[in-house]
Amino acid sequence: MTSRSVTHRARGACLALAASISLGAPAALQSWQTPQAPAARYDVLIRNGRVLDGSGNPWLAADIGIRGGRIVDMGRLGNATATRAIDARGLTVSPGFIDVHSHASTGLAGDLRDARQLLAQGLTTVMINPDGGGTIDLKAQRGAFEQKGVGVNVALYVPHGSIRREVIGMADRQATPAELDRMVTLAQAGMEAGGIGLSSGLYYAPGSYAKTEEVIALAKAVGEMGGVYESHIRDEADYSVGVVAAVQEVIRIADEGHLPGIVAHMKALGPASWGLSMALVEKIKQARDRGVEVYADQYPYDASGTGIVGALIPRWAEVGGRAELLKRIQGPGHDRLAADIRRNFERRGGPDTLVISRYAPNPAYEGQTLAQVSSAIGKPADETAMDLLLKGDASLVSFNMAESDIELIMRQPFTMTCTDGDLVPFGQGKPHPRGNAAFARKIHRYVNERGAIDLPFAVRSMTSLPASVFGLKDRGVLRPGAWADVLVFDPAKVRDAATYLEPHQLSEGMEYVLVNGVIAKDASTWTGKLSGRVVTPDRR
């Protein structure tokens, strides 16, 4: 019951009592006290907060009553009681953040299922199997999360690249009609198992071997079942078709597939592409103006992350799989491959912009640039890259973006936020810090320090915008009826503690984090509750 209705009832009772006294009512009645409405009882009551509801509107003062995992009341809940009350005076209350592009699946399925690194930056929902990778058996993946529990909500992409590998392998050719039918069937099965849409990695093999028409066929099937299409585009620089044409390909797939399209972690990669963010933004604006539903997502860093194969090896060298790649390194294809690697160094700004973040065969290389490693072993950088690959792939942090492009993309109302990050155990390598800190960094650096966007706009990009794009109608907002994924924090204290050299540090500033109404972070205490769910779209 709202405070307004309580006040109405109390006022009416007072008027009735006054009338009875004036008419000479019995003394017993004259001594009767005004009845009070019973206090509402909640599981959790958040009082006195500055509520950003996720819409982008300025904060408003409100209390939030939570019961059974959902928000049941908002407003001035003055006489309400709860099993647990949180005083949010002077703090901001917002919906839990949604990461639309996450590589956290392995960690969440293993020892890191409590998701502490994610919760610390405010994440309560993550979308996994991006870039066309991950399992094609979404039924088994979903069942494992539901059986073992998980600390955040998880949504599952249907991965195009994995489907193509299952049906065609690592062949660089067009699918036959029968193979395409099989891929469509697998995509439909993934959606039936609870998928949120189709992910692709057209930059990576084997996704890069697919023609646009193949992806459109799968996108149509997924769109008919209420899904979206999100893509690591075919080129983020000038490797092949160029970044502008690659964004146009997403627009075409969204248009002809009749579903929302998302340019994953949109960027202009490498010095030759800096400044092209203006063209990318204009392409999306023009598409939206003519009725094509297109969006972007972004992580707020000037460095990307991939492997040596992804960054430096041309796709022709990957045909047939890793064994064939190693033969080319050691055989007649060596010189051609070395020349292509040198060109790819130029695209990314040189070997001194590429830092080895994880390399199991020799962890001593972690934190060093490829230029430093090549100098230490006395070989050219292209030969060093191939030597490393002979023993195992290395993960790289690649410094290749311009701040002006980052901010222009970030300011667009169609841009969502993502980490594109892994969930890595503490002390293992020096992974890109985005996995532990992207959302906190956006608030700390781009809201508080640079003023590129304001807090309500940032929160919207992390909450209601992705929830609406993916059809999660009861997520990403604070309102009665919504699931109680809730954050309580001081925006001035939010900080991305993880750095490139110390990437395992937890983000700071989130005082309380609730997932489906259960407190996961309680001030300085981690509760370890596994209250996450596998979430599916509500648009079907």
Protein backbone atom coordinates (compact mmCIF):
# COMPACT_ATOMS: atom_id res chain seq x y z
CA MET A 1 0.00 0.00 0.00
CA THR A 2 1.38 3.40 -0.91
CA SER A 3 1.91 6.19 1.59
CA ARG A 4 -0.70 8.27 -0.26
CA SER A 5 -3.41 5.63 0.30
CA VAL A 6 -2.45 5.32 3.96
CA THR A 7 -2.78 9.09 4.39
CA HIS A 8 -6.18 9.08 2.67
CA ARG A 9 -7.52 6.37 4.98
CA ALA A 10 -6.19 8.03 8.13
CA ARG A 11 -7.65 11.41 7.12
CA GLY A 12 -11.03 9.82 6.43
CA ALA A 13 -11.06 8.07 9.81
CA CYS A 14 -10.28 11.35 11.60
CA LEU A 15 -13.17 13.13 9.87
CA ALA A 16 -15.56 10.31 10.81
CA LEU A 17 -14.42 10.42 14.45
CA ALA A 18 -14.84 14.19 14.61
CA ALA A 19 -18.37 13.90 13.25
CA SER A 20 -19.36 11.26 15.80
CA ILE A 21 -18.07 13.37 18.70
CA SER A 22 -20.01 16.40 17.52
CA LEU A 23 -23.18 14.32 17.44
CA GLY A 24 -22.77 13.20 21.04
CA ALA A 25 -21.43 9.70 20.49
CA PRO A 26 -20.86 7.43 23.52
CA ALA A 27 -17.72 8.04 25.59
CA ALA A 28 -16.25 4.67 24.57
CA LEU A 29 -16.40 5.73 20.95
CA GLN A 30 -14.99 9.17 21.77
CA SER A 31 -11.85 7.50 23.27
CA TRP A 32 -11.22 5.41 20.11
CA GLN A 33 -7.81 6.02 18.43
CA THR A 34 -7.32 6.56 14.71
CA PRO A 35 -6.62 3.12 13.18
CA GLN A 36 -3.26 2.71 11.43
CA ALA A 37 -2.89 0.62 8.27
CA PRO A 38 -0.73 -2.44 8.86
CA ALA A 39 2.88 -1.85 7.92
CA ALA A 40 3.99 -3.57 4.74
CA ARG A 41 6.53 -6.34 5.28
CA TYR A 42 9.38 -6.81 2.81
CA ASP A 43 12.35 -9.11 2.47
CA VAL A 44 14.57 -6.10 1.78
CA LEU A 45 13.76 -2.41 2.11
CA ILE A 46 16.11 0.19 0.61
CA ARG A 47 15.40 3.58 2.17
CA ASN A 48 16.28 7.18 1.36
CA GLY A 49 18.14 6.52 -1.89
CA ARG A 50 18.61 8.72 -4.93
CA VAL A 51 16.97 6.43 -7.42
CA LEU A 52 18.11 6.30 -11.05
CA ASP A 53 15.45 4.06 -12.54
CA GLY A 54 17.50 3.21 -15.65
CA SER A 55 15.49 5.36 -18.07
CA GLY A 56 18.06 8.15 -18.27
CA ASN A 57 15.94 10.47 -16.17
CA PRO A 58 17.47 12.40 -13.24
CA TRP A 59 17.38 10.70 -9.84
CA LEU A 60 14.33 10.87 -7.63
CA ALA A 61 13.97 10.27 -3.89
CA ALA A 62 12.27 6.94 -3.16
CA ASP A 63 12.27 3.84 -1.01
CA ILE A 64 12.21 0.41 -2.64
CA GLY A 65 10.42 -2.59 -1.14
CA ILE A 66 11.49 -6.05 -2.33
CA ARG A 67 9.71 -9.33 -1.78
CA GLY A 68 10.08 -12.72 -3.46
CA GLY A 69 12.91 -11.54 -5.67
CA ARG A 70 10.97 -8.66 -7.19
CA ILE A 71 10.36 -5.00 -6.51
CA VAL A 72 6.83 -4.74 -5.13
CA ASP A 73 6.69 -1.08 -4.03
CA MET A 74 8.47 2.19 -4.71
CA GLY A 75 7.81 5.57 -3.15
CA ARG A 76 7.66 6.97 0.37
CA LEU A 77 7.33 3.75 2.34
CA GLY A 78 7.55 5.43 5.72
CA ASN A 79 5.98 2.86 8.07
CA ALA A 80 7.12 -0.25 6.22
CA THR A 81 9.19 -2.98 7.86
CA ALA A 82 11.52 -5.56 6.40
CA THR A 83 13.68 -8.51 7.30
CA ARG A 84 16.61 -6.40 6.14
CA ALA A 85 16.67 -2.62 5.78
CA ILE A 86 19.40 -0.75 3.90
CA ASP A 87 19.87 2.96 4.51
CA ALA A 88 20.89 4.47 1.16
CA ARG A 89 20.90 8.07 2.35
CA GLY A 90 23.28 10.07 0.15
CA LEU A 91 23.80 7.10 -2.17
CA THR A 92 22.60 6.29 -5.67
CA VAL A 93 20.30 3.33 -6.28
CA SER A 94 20.15 1.92 -9.81
CA PRO A 95 19.26 -1.26 -11.67
CA GLY A 96 22.00 -3.88 -11.85
CA PHE A 97 24.25 -3.47 -14.87
CA ILE A 98 23.93 -5.71 -17.93
CA ASP A 99 27.03 -6.81 -19.86
CA VAL A 100 25.90 -7.53 -23.41
CA HIS A 101 29.20 -9.09 -24.52
CA SER A 102 31.04 -11.25 -21.99
CA HIS A 103 33.63 -14.04 -22.19
CA ALA A 104 33.01 -15.05 -18.56
CA SER A 105 31.40 -18.41 -19.36
CA THR A 106 34.36 -20.60 -18.39
CA GLY A 107 34.85 -18.87 -15.04
CA LEU A 108 31.15 -18.85 -14.23
CA ALA A 109 30.90 -22.55 -15.00
CA GLY A 110 33.88 -23.32 -12.77
CA ASP A 111 35.45 -22.06 -9.56
CA LEU A 112 34.44 -18.43 -10.13
CA ARG A 113 30.71 -19.05 -10.24
CA ASP A 114 30.17 -16.58 -7.35
CA ALA A 115 31.09 -13.88 -9.94
CA ARG A 116 32.76 -11.57 -7.44
CA GLN A 117 34.80 -9.77 -10.12
CA LEU A 118 31.60 -9.02 -12.01
CA LEU A 119 29.49 -8.01 -9.03
CA ALA A 120 32.17 -5.61 -7.82
CA GLN A 121 31.70 -3.48 -10.92
CA GLY A 122 27.91 -3.65 -10.64
CA LEU A 123 27.17 -6.45 -13.09
CA THR A 124 24.12 -8.57 -12.33
CA THR A 125 23.50 -9.98 -15.84
CA VAL A 126 26.01 -11.14 -18.47
CA MET A 127 25.51 -12.40 -22.02
CA ILE A 128 27.90 -15.18 -22.98
CA ASN A 129 28.96 -17.11 -26.13
CA PRO A 130 29.81 -13.91 -28.05
CA ASP A 131 31.93 -13.51 -31.22
CA GLY A 132 30.36 -16.63 -32.69
CA GLY A 133 32.19 -18.82 -30.14
CA GLY A 134 31.19 -21.11 -27.31
CA THR A 135 29.14 -24.26 -27.14
CA ILE A 136 26.36 -25.08 -29.57
CA ASP A 137 24.65 -27.21 -26.92
CA LEU A 138 22.77 -24.45 -25.11
CA LYS A 139 20.46 -26.95 -23.45
CA ALA A 140 23.39 -28.55 -21.62
CA GLN A 141 24.99 -25.18 -20.86
CA ARG A 142 21.76 -23.86 -19.41
CA GLY A 143 21.19 -27.02 -17.39
CA ALA A 144 24.65 -26.82 -15.84
CA PHE A 145 24.09 -23.25 -14.66
CA GLU A 146 20.67 -24.09 -13.28
CA GLN A 147 21.93 -27.18 -11.48
CA LYS A 148 25.15 -25.77 -9.98
CA GLY A 149 24.05 -22.18 -9.46
CA VAL A 150 25.67 -18.94 -10.53
CA GLY A 151 26.19 -15.55 -8.89
CA VAL A 152 24.82 -13.41 -11.73
CA ASN A 153 22.08 -13.79 -14.29
CA VAL A 154 23.31 -15.39 -17.50
CA ALA A 155 21.94 -15.09 -21.04
CA LEU A 156 23.15 -17.34 -23.85
CA TYR A 157 24.01 -16.44 -27.43
CA VAL A 158 23.73 -19.01 -30.20
CA PRO A 159 27.25 -18.96 -31.75
CA HIS A 160 27.44 -18.90 -35.56
CA GLY A 161 31.16 -19.71 -35.72
CA SER A 162 30.81 -22.82 -33.57
CA ILE A 163 27.85 -23.97 -35.65
CA ARG A 164 29.83 -23.50 -38.87
CA ARG A 165 32.80 -25.40 -37.44
CA GLU A 166 30.47 -28.25 -36.41
CA VAL A 167 28.96 -28.52 -39.89
CA ILE A 168 31.79 -27.51 -42.26
CA GLY A 169 34.95 -27.52 -40.14
CA MET A 170 37.68 -25.00 -40.93
CA ALA A 171 37.09 -24.99 -44.69
CA ASP A 172 37.11 -21.70 -46.56
CA ARG A 173 34.15 -22.31 -48.83
CA GLN A 174 30.47 -21.63 -49.20
CA ALA A 175 28.02 -23.93 -47.43
CA THR A 176 26.03 -26.36 -49.56
CA PRO A 177 22.23 -26.12 -49.32
CA ALA A 178 22.15 -29.18 -47.08
CA GLU A 179 24.88 -27.75 -44.83
CA LEU A 180 23.08 -24.43 -44.59
CA ASP A 181 19.85 -26.22 -43.61
CA ARG A 182 21.78 -28.04 -40.90
CA MET A 183 23.22 -24.77 -39.57
CA VAL A 184 19.78 -23.17 -39.49
CA THR A 185 18.42 -26.19 -37.61
CA LEU A 186 21.21 -25.91 -35.01
CA ALA A 187 20.54 -22.19 -34.59
CA GLN A 188 16.84 -22.88 -34.05
CA ALA A 189 17.66 -25.57 -31.49
CA GLY A 190 19.80 -23.07 -29.60
CA MET A 191 16.96 -20.57 -29.53
CA GLU A 192 14.52 -23.25 -28.36
CA ALA A 193 16.93 -24.00 -25.50
CA GLY A 194 16.70 -20.38 -24.37
CA GLY A 195 19.06 -18.42 -26.61
CA ILE A 196 18.81 -14.64 -26.78
CA GLY A 197 20.05 -14.35 -30.34
CA LEU A 198 22.81 -15.11 -32.80
CA SER A 199 26.40 -14.05 -32.24
CA SER A 200 29.00 -14.02 -34.98
CA GLY A 201 32.72 -13.40 -35.25
CA LEU A 202 33.14 -12.64 -38.95
CA TYR A 203 36.66 -11.36 -38.28
CA TYR A 204 37.73 -14.77 -36.90
CA ALA A 205 37.98 -18.16 -38.57
CA PRO A 206 35.80 -20.00 -39.39
CA GLY A 207 33.20 -17.21 -39.28
CA SER A 208 35.29 -15.16 -41.70
CA TYR A 209 34.84 -17.90 -44.34
CA ALA A 210 31.06 -17.35 -44.36
CA LYS A 211 29.37 -15.18 -46.97
CA THR A 212 26.89 -12.57 -45.79
CA GLU A 213 24.01 -14.60 -47.22
CA GLU A 214 24.82 -17.52 -44.93
CA VAL A 215 24.60 -15.31 -41.86
CA ILE A 216 21.35 -13.76 -43.10
CA ALA A 217 19.80 -17.23 -43.35
CA LEU A 218 20.61 -17.98 -39.71
CA ALA A 219 19.61 -14.47 -38.63
CA LYS A 220 16.17 -14.84 -40.21
CA ALA A 221 15.55 -18.06 -38.30
CA VAL A 222 16.72 -16.50 -35.04
CA GLY A 223 14.71 -13.31 -35.64
CA GLU A 224 11.53 -15.31 -36.15
CA MET A 225 12.09 -16.74 -32.67
CA GLY A 226 12.54 -13.35 -31.01
CA GLY A 227 16.34 -13.11 -31.06
CA VAL A 228 18.87 -10.42 -31.94
CA TYR A 229 22.05 -10.48 -34.02
CA GLU A 230 25.33 -9.34 -32.45
CA SER A 231 28.59 -9.41 -34.39
CA HIS A 232 32.30 -8.98 -33.96
CA ILE A 233 32.33 -7.41 -37.38
CA ARG A 234 34.32 -8.66 -40.35
CA ASP A 235 36.89 -5.88 -40.07
CA GLU A 236 37.51 -3.28 -37.34
CA ALA A 237 40.39 -1.69 -39.24
CA ASP A 238 41.60 -2.22 -42.81
CA TYR A 239 42.41 -5.93 -42.79
CA SER A 240 39.90 -6.84 -45.52
CA VAL A 241 36.70 -4.95 -46.36
CA GLY A 242 37.40 -2.08 -43.95
CA VAL A 243 35.53 -1.10 -40.80
CA VAL A 244 32.90 1.07 -42.53
CA ALA A 245 31.87 -1.72 -44.91
CA ALA A 246 31.87 -4.18 -42.00
CA VAL A 247 29.38 -2.03 -40.08
CA GLN A 248 27.29 -1.80 -43.23
CA GLU A 249 27.24 -5.62 -43.34
CA VAL A 250 25.66 -5.72 -39.86
CA ILE A 251 23.05 -3.24 -41.04
CA ARG A 252 22.28 -5.40 -44.07
CA ILE A 253 21.95 -8.56 -41.96
CA ALA A 254 19.63 -6.78 -39.51
CA ASP A 255 17.57 -5.39 -42.38
CA GLU A 256 17.21 -8.58 -44.41
CA GLY A 257 17.08 -10.81 -41.33
CA HIS A 258 14.30 -8.68 -39.77
CA LEU A 259 15.84 -8.51 -36.31
CA PRO A 260 17.84 -6.04 -34.19
CA GLY A 261 21.52 -5.86 -35.17
CA ILE A 262 24.38 -4.94 -32.83
CA VAL A 263 27.90 -3.91 -33.77
CA ALA A 264 29.94 -5.56 -31.03
CA HIS A 265 32.53 -3.47 -29.13
CA MET A 266 32.47 -0.85 -31.88
CA LYS A 267 35.81 0.84 -32.50
CA ALA A 268 38.12 2.29 -35.14
CA LEU A 269 41.19 0.08 -34.72
CA GLY A 270 44.67 1.22 -35.67
CA PRO A 271 46.13 4.59 -36.71
CA ALA A 272 44.93 4.27 -40.31
CA SER A 273 41.32 4.03 -39.07
CA TRP A 274 41.34 6.73 -36.39
CA GLY A 275 38.60 9.26 -37.00
CA LEU A 276 36.33 6.81 -38.83
CA SER A 277 34.02 6.69 -35.82
CA MET A 278 32.15 9.60 -37.39
CA ALA A 279 31.40 7.51 -40.48
CA LEU A 280 30.39 4.51 -38.36
CA VAL A 281 28.00 6.58 -36.26
CA GLU A 282 26.52 8.17 -39.37
CA LYS A 283 25.96 4.75 -40.98
CA ILE A 284 23.98 3.59 -37.95
CA LYS A 285 22.01 6.84 -37.71
CA GLN A 286 21.03 6.62 -41.37
CA ALA A 287 19.97 2.99 -40.98
CA ARG A 288 17.87 3.78 -37.94
CA ASP A 289 16.27 6.74 -39.75
CA ARG A 290 15.04 4.39 -42.46
CA GLY A 291 13.70 1.90 -39.94
CA VAL A 292 16.52 -0.63 -39.51
CA GLU A 293 16.99 -1.46 -35.82
CA VAL A 294 20.76 -1.22 -35.24
CA TYR A 295 22.81 -0.63 -32.08
CA ALA A 296 26.39 -0.79 -30.88
CA ASP A 297 28.13 -1.84 -27.71
CA GLN A 298 31.49 -0.68 -26.38
CA TYR A 299 34.08 -1.13 -23.64
CA PRO A 300 35.75 2.09 -22.41
CA TYR A 301 39.43 1.38 -23.13
CA ASP A 302 41.97 2.43 -25.76
CA ALA A 303 43.34 -1.12 -25.92
CA SER A 304 41.63 -4.19 -27.29
CA GLY A 305 42.37 -7.81 -26.45
CA THR A 306 42.77 -10.88 -28.61
CA GLY A 307 45.35 -13.57 -29.40
CA ILE A 308 48.36 -13.65 -31.70
CA VAL A 309 46.28 -15.62 -34.19
CA GLY A 310 43.43 -13.12 -34.09
CA ALA A 311 45.63 -10.05 -34.32
CA LEU A 312 48.42 -11.11 -36.65
CA ILE A 313 47.71 -14.33 -38.57
CA PRO A 314 45.88 -13.99 -41.92
CA ARG A 315 42.82 -16.16 -42.28
CA TRP A 316 44.18 -18.05 -45.28
CA ALA A 317 46.78 -19.53 -42.97
CA GLU A 318 44.12 -20.94 -40.64
CA VAL A 319 42.30 -23.00 -43.24
CA GLY A 320 42.21 -26.59 -42.02
CA GLY A 321 42.82 -25.71 -38.37
CA ARG A 322 45.79 -25.32 -36.06
CA ALA A 323 47.73 -28.29 -37.38
CA GLU A 324 47.69 -26.83 -40.88
CA LEU A 325 48.72 -23.42 -39.53
CA LEU A 326 51.77 -24.92 -37.84
CA LYS A 327 52.72 -26.66 -41.10
CA ARG A 328 52.58 -23.32 -42.91
CA ILE A 329 54.77 -21.68 -40.27
CA GLN A 330 57.40 -24.37 -40.75
CA GLY A 331 56.91 -25.01 -44.46
CA PRO A 332 56.65 -23.32 -47.86
CA GLY A 333 54.09 -20.78 -46.63
CA HIS A 334 56.52 -19.32 -44.07
CA ASP A 335 57.75 -16.30 -46.04
CA ARG A 336 54.26 -15.31 -47.21
CA LEU A 337 52.99 -15.62 -43.66
CA ALA A 338 55.86 -13.53 -42.28
CA ALA A 339 55.11 -10.75 -44.76
CA ASP A 340 51.44 -10.71 -43.76
CA ILE A 341 52.36 -10.58 -40.07
CA ARG A 342 54.57 -7.53 -40.74
CA ARG A 343 51.66 -5.78 -42.48
CA ASN A 344 49.40 -6.60 -39.55
CA PHE A 345 51.95 -5.11 -37.14
CA GLU A 346 51.66 -1.87 -39.12
CA ARG A 347 47.87 -1.96 -38.91
CA ARG A 348 48.04 -2.10 -35.11
CA GLY A 349 50.81 0.45 -34.65
CA GLY A 350 53.83 -1.85 -34.40
CA PRO A 351 55.01 -4.70 -32.14
CA ASP A 352 55.66 -2.27 -29.28
CA THR A 353 51.87 -1.69 -28.99
CA LEU A 354 51.18 -5.42 -28.44
CA VAL A 355 51.59 -6.65 -24.86
CA ILE A 356 51.56 -10.37 -24.05
CA SER A 357 48.90 -10.84 -21.40
CA ARG A 358 48.86 -14.63 -21.06
CA TYR A 359 51.31 -17.22 -22.36
CA ALA A 360 51.29 -20.54 -20.55
CA PRO A 361 54.49 -21.96 -22.10
CA ASN A 362 56.52 -19.06 -20.64
CA PRO A 363 54.72 -16.80 -18.13
CA ALA A 364 57.87 -14.64 -17.90
CA TYR A 365 56.79 -13.04 -21.18
CA GLU A 366 53.54 -11.80 -19.65
CA GLY A 367 53.48 -8.02 -19.34
CA GLN A 368 56.16 -7.58 -22.02
CA THR A 369 55.59 -6.22 -25.52
CA LEU A 370 56.27 -8.35 -28.55
CA ALA A 371 59.04 -5.89 -29.37
CA GLN A 372 60.68 -6.54 -26.00
CA VAL A 373 60.39 -10.32 -26.33
CA SER A 374 61.78 -10.27 -29.87
CA SER A 375 64.71 -8.16 -28.70
CA ALA A 376 65.39 -10.55 -25.81
CA ILE A 377 65.47 -13.64 -28.03
CA GLY A 378 67.29 -11.88 -30.86
CA LYS A 379 64.76 -12.42 -33.64
CA PRO A 380 62.56 -10.09 -35.72
CA ALA A 381 59.07 -9.54 -34.33
CA ASP A 382 57.37 -11.53 -37.10
CA GLU A 383 59.60 -14.54 -36.45
CA THR A 384 59.04 -14.16 -32.71
CA ALA A 385 55.27 -14.26 -33.18
CA MET A 386 55.54 -17.49 -35.15
CA ASP A 387 57.93 -19.02 -32.62
CA LEU A 388 55.45 -18.33 -29.84
CA LEU A 389 52.65 -19.93 -31.84
CA LEU A 390 54.59 -23.13 -32.31
CA LYS A 391 54.38 -23.65 -28.54
CA GLY A 392 50.86 -22.29 -27.99
CA ASP A 393 48.76 -19.22 -28.69
CA ALA A 394 49.44 -16.08 -26.66
CA SER A 395 46.83 -13.57 -25.54
CA LEU A 396 47.58 -9.94 -26.35
CA VAL A 397 46.53 -6.52 -25.15
CA SER A 398 46.66 -4.28 -28.22
CA PHE A 399 46.88 -0.49 -27.77
CA ASN A 400 45.21 0.74 -30.93
CA MET A 401 42.36 3.22 -30.33
CA ALA A 402 42.01 7.00 -30.20
CA GLU A 403 40.27 8.72 -27.28
CA SER A 404 38.21 10.93 -29.60
CA ASP A 405 36.70 7.86 -31.29
CA ILE A 406 35.94 6.23 -27.93
CA GLU A 407 34.04 9.27 -26.67
CA LEU A 408 32.09 9.87 -29.88
CA ILE A 409 30.84 6.28 -29.93
CA MET A 410 30.07 6.42 -26.20
CA ARG A 411 27.88 9.52 -26.54
CA GLN A 412 25.45 7.88 -28.96
CA PRO A 413 22.03 6.97 -27.54
CA PHE A 414 22.19 3.60 -29.33
CA THR A 415 25.46 2.54 -27.65
CA MET A 416 25.33 -0.05 -24.86
CA THR A 417 28.17 -1.01 -22.51
CA CYS A 418 30.11 -4.27 -22.41
CA THR A 419 33.29 -5.74 -20.96
CA ASP A 420 34.32 -8.14 -23.75
CA GLY A 421 36.27 -9.57 -20.83
CA ASP A 422 37.24 -12.94 -19.41
CA LEU A 423 36.67 -14.07 -15.84
CA VAL A 424 40.19 -15.08 -14.84
CA PRO A 425 41.35 -16.50 -11.48
CA PHE A 426 43.49 -14.17 -9.41
CA GLY A 427 47.17 -14.34 -10.31
CA GLN A 428 46.77 -16.02 -13.69
CA GLY A 429 48.55 -13.86 -16.26
CA LYS A 430 47.93 -10.20 -16.93
CA PRO A 431 44.60 -10.25 -18.77
CA HIS A 432 42.95 -7.12 -20.11
CA PRO A 433 41.53 -5.25 -17.09
CA ARG A 434 38.16 -4.77 -18.80
CA GLY A 435 36.94 -8.11 -17.42
CA ASN A 436 37.19 -6.75 -13.87
CA ALA A 437 36.58 -3.07 -14.41
CA ALA A 438 34.91 -1.87 -17.63
CA PHE A 439 31.67 -0.66 -16.05
CA ALA A 440 33.39 1.00 -13.11
CA ARG A 441 35.85 2.66 -15.49
CA LYS A 442 33.05 4.17 -17.56
CA ILE A 443 31.67 5.90 -14.46
CA HIS A 444 35.06 6.83 -12.98
CA ARG A 445 36.82 8.06 -16.09
CA TYR A 446 34.12 9.17 -18.52
CA VAL A 447 31.47 10.47 -16.10
CA ASN A 448 33.45 11.75 -13.12
CA GLU A 449 36.81 12.73 -14.61
CA ARG A 450 36.20 13.62 -18.26
CA GLY A 451 32.50 14.55 -18.21
CA ALA A 452 32.00 12.94 -21.61
CA ILE A 453 28.56 11.73 -20.49
CA ASP A 454 26.48 12.17 -17.34
CA LEU A 455 25.57 9.48 -14.84
CA PRO A 456 21.91 8.94 -15.87
CA PHE A 457 23.03 8.51 -19.50
CA ALA A 458 25.76 6.06 -18.48
CA VAL A 459 23.40 4.03 -16.30
CA ARG A 460 20.83 3.86 -19.12
CA SER A 461 23.49 2.43 -21.46
CA MET A 462 24.16 -0.26 -18.85
CA THR A 463 20.58 -1.10 -17.86
CA SER A 464 17.30 -0.21 -19.59
CA LEU A 465 18.78 0.11 -23.09
CA PRO A 466 20.22 -3.43 -23.25
CA ALA A 467 17.19 -4.83 -21.45
CA SER A 468 14.86 -3.35 -24.07
CA VAL A 469 17.09 -4.36 -27.01
CA PHE A 470 17.19 -7.98 -25.83
CA GLY A 471 13.56 -8.17 -24.72
CA LEU A 472 14.27 -8.55 -21.00
CA LYS A 473 11.20 -6.60 -19.99
CA ASP A 474 11.56 -7.09 -16.22
CA ARG A 475 15.29 -6.34 -16.07
CA GLY A 476 17.29 -3.14 -16.35
CA VAL A 477 14.68 -0.94 -14.66
CA LEU A 478 13.54 -0.07 -11.17
CA ARG A 479 9.75 -0.29 -10.98
CA PRO A 480 7.18 -2.43 -9.23
CA GLY A 481 7.07 -5.85 -10.85
CA ALA A 482 10.66 -5.85 -12.05
CA TRP A 483 13.21 -8.35 -10.83
CA ALA A 484 15.21 -6.86 -7.99
CA ASP A 485 18.64 -6.59 -9.58
CA VAL A 486 19.69 -3.50 -7.64
CA LEU A 487 22.86 -1.53 -6.92
CA VAL A 488 23.52 0.94 -4.10
CA PHE A 489 26.66 3.01 -4.57
CA ASP A 490 28.39 6.35 -4.22
CA PRO A 491 29.19 7.48 -7.79
CA ALA A 492 32.10 9.59 -6.56
CA LYS A 493 33.76 6.49 -5.07
CA VAL A 494 33.29 4.13 -8.02
CA ARG A 495 36.75 3.29 -9.35
CA ASP A 496 38.31 0.79 -11.73
CA ALA A 497 41.14 -0.50 -9.55
CA ALA A 498 42.25 -3.03 -12.19
CA THR A 499 45.05 -1.77 -14.44
CA TYR A 500 47.01 -3.23 -17.33
CA LEU A 501 49.86 -4.16 -14.99
CA GLU A 502 47.64 -5.16 -12.04
CA PRO A 503 44.48 -6.44 -13.75
CA HIS A 504 43.11 -8.68 -10.99
CA GLN A 505 42.06 -5.91 -8.61
CA LEU A 506 38.34 -5.73 -7.81
CA SER A 507 36.46 -2.57 -8.73
CA GLU A 508 35.47 -0.27 -5.89
CA GLY A 509 32.43 1.77 -4.91
CA MET A 510 29.52 -0.69 -4.99
CA GLU A 511 28.19 -0.78 -1.43
CA TYR A 512 25.33 -3.22 -1.96
CA VAL A 513 24.54 -5.50 -4.90
CA LEU A 514 21.32 -7.50 -5.10
CA VAL A 515 20.66 -10.23 -7.66
CA ASN A 516 17.01 -11.27 -7.89
CA GLY A 517 16.38 -9.72 -4.49
CA VAL A 518 19.23 -11.56 -2.75
CA ILE A 519 22.12 -9.54 -1.33
CA ALA A 520 25.37 -10.63 -2.99
CA LYS A 521 27.56 -7.78 -1.74
CA ASP A 522 26.67 -6.46 1.71
CA ALA A 523 28.89 -3.43 2.32
CA SER A 524 32.34 -4.99 2.81
CA THR A 525 31.02 -8.58 2.94
CA TRP A 526 30.61 -11.00 0.06
CA THR A 527 27.74 -13.33 0.84
CA GLY A 528 28.58 -15.98 -1.77
CA LYS A 529 24.91 -16.38 -2.66
CA LEU A 530 24.31 -18.00 -6.05
CA SER A 531 21.02 -16.27 -6.83
CA GLY A 532 21.52 -15.75 -10.57
CA ARG A 533 19.23 -17.24 -13.19
CA VAL A 534 19.45 -18.12 -16.86
CA VAL A 535 17.39 -15.35 -18.47
CA THR A 536 15.58 -15.49 -21.78
CA PRO A 537 13.90 -12.82 -23.92
CA ASP A 538 10.26 -11.90 -23.34
CA ARG A 539 9.59 -10.66 -26.87
CA ARG A 540 8.46 -14.00 -28.33
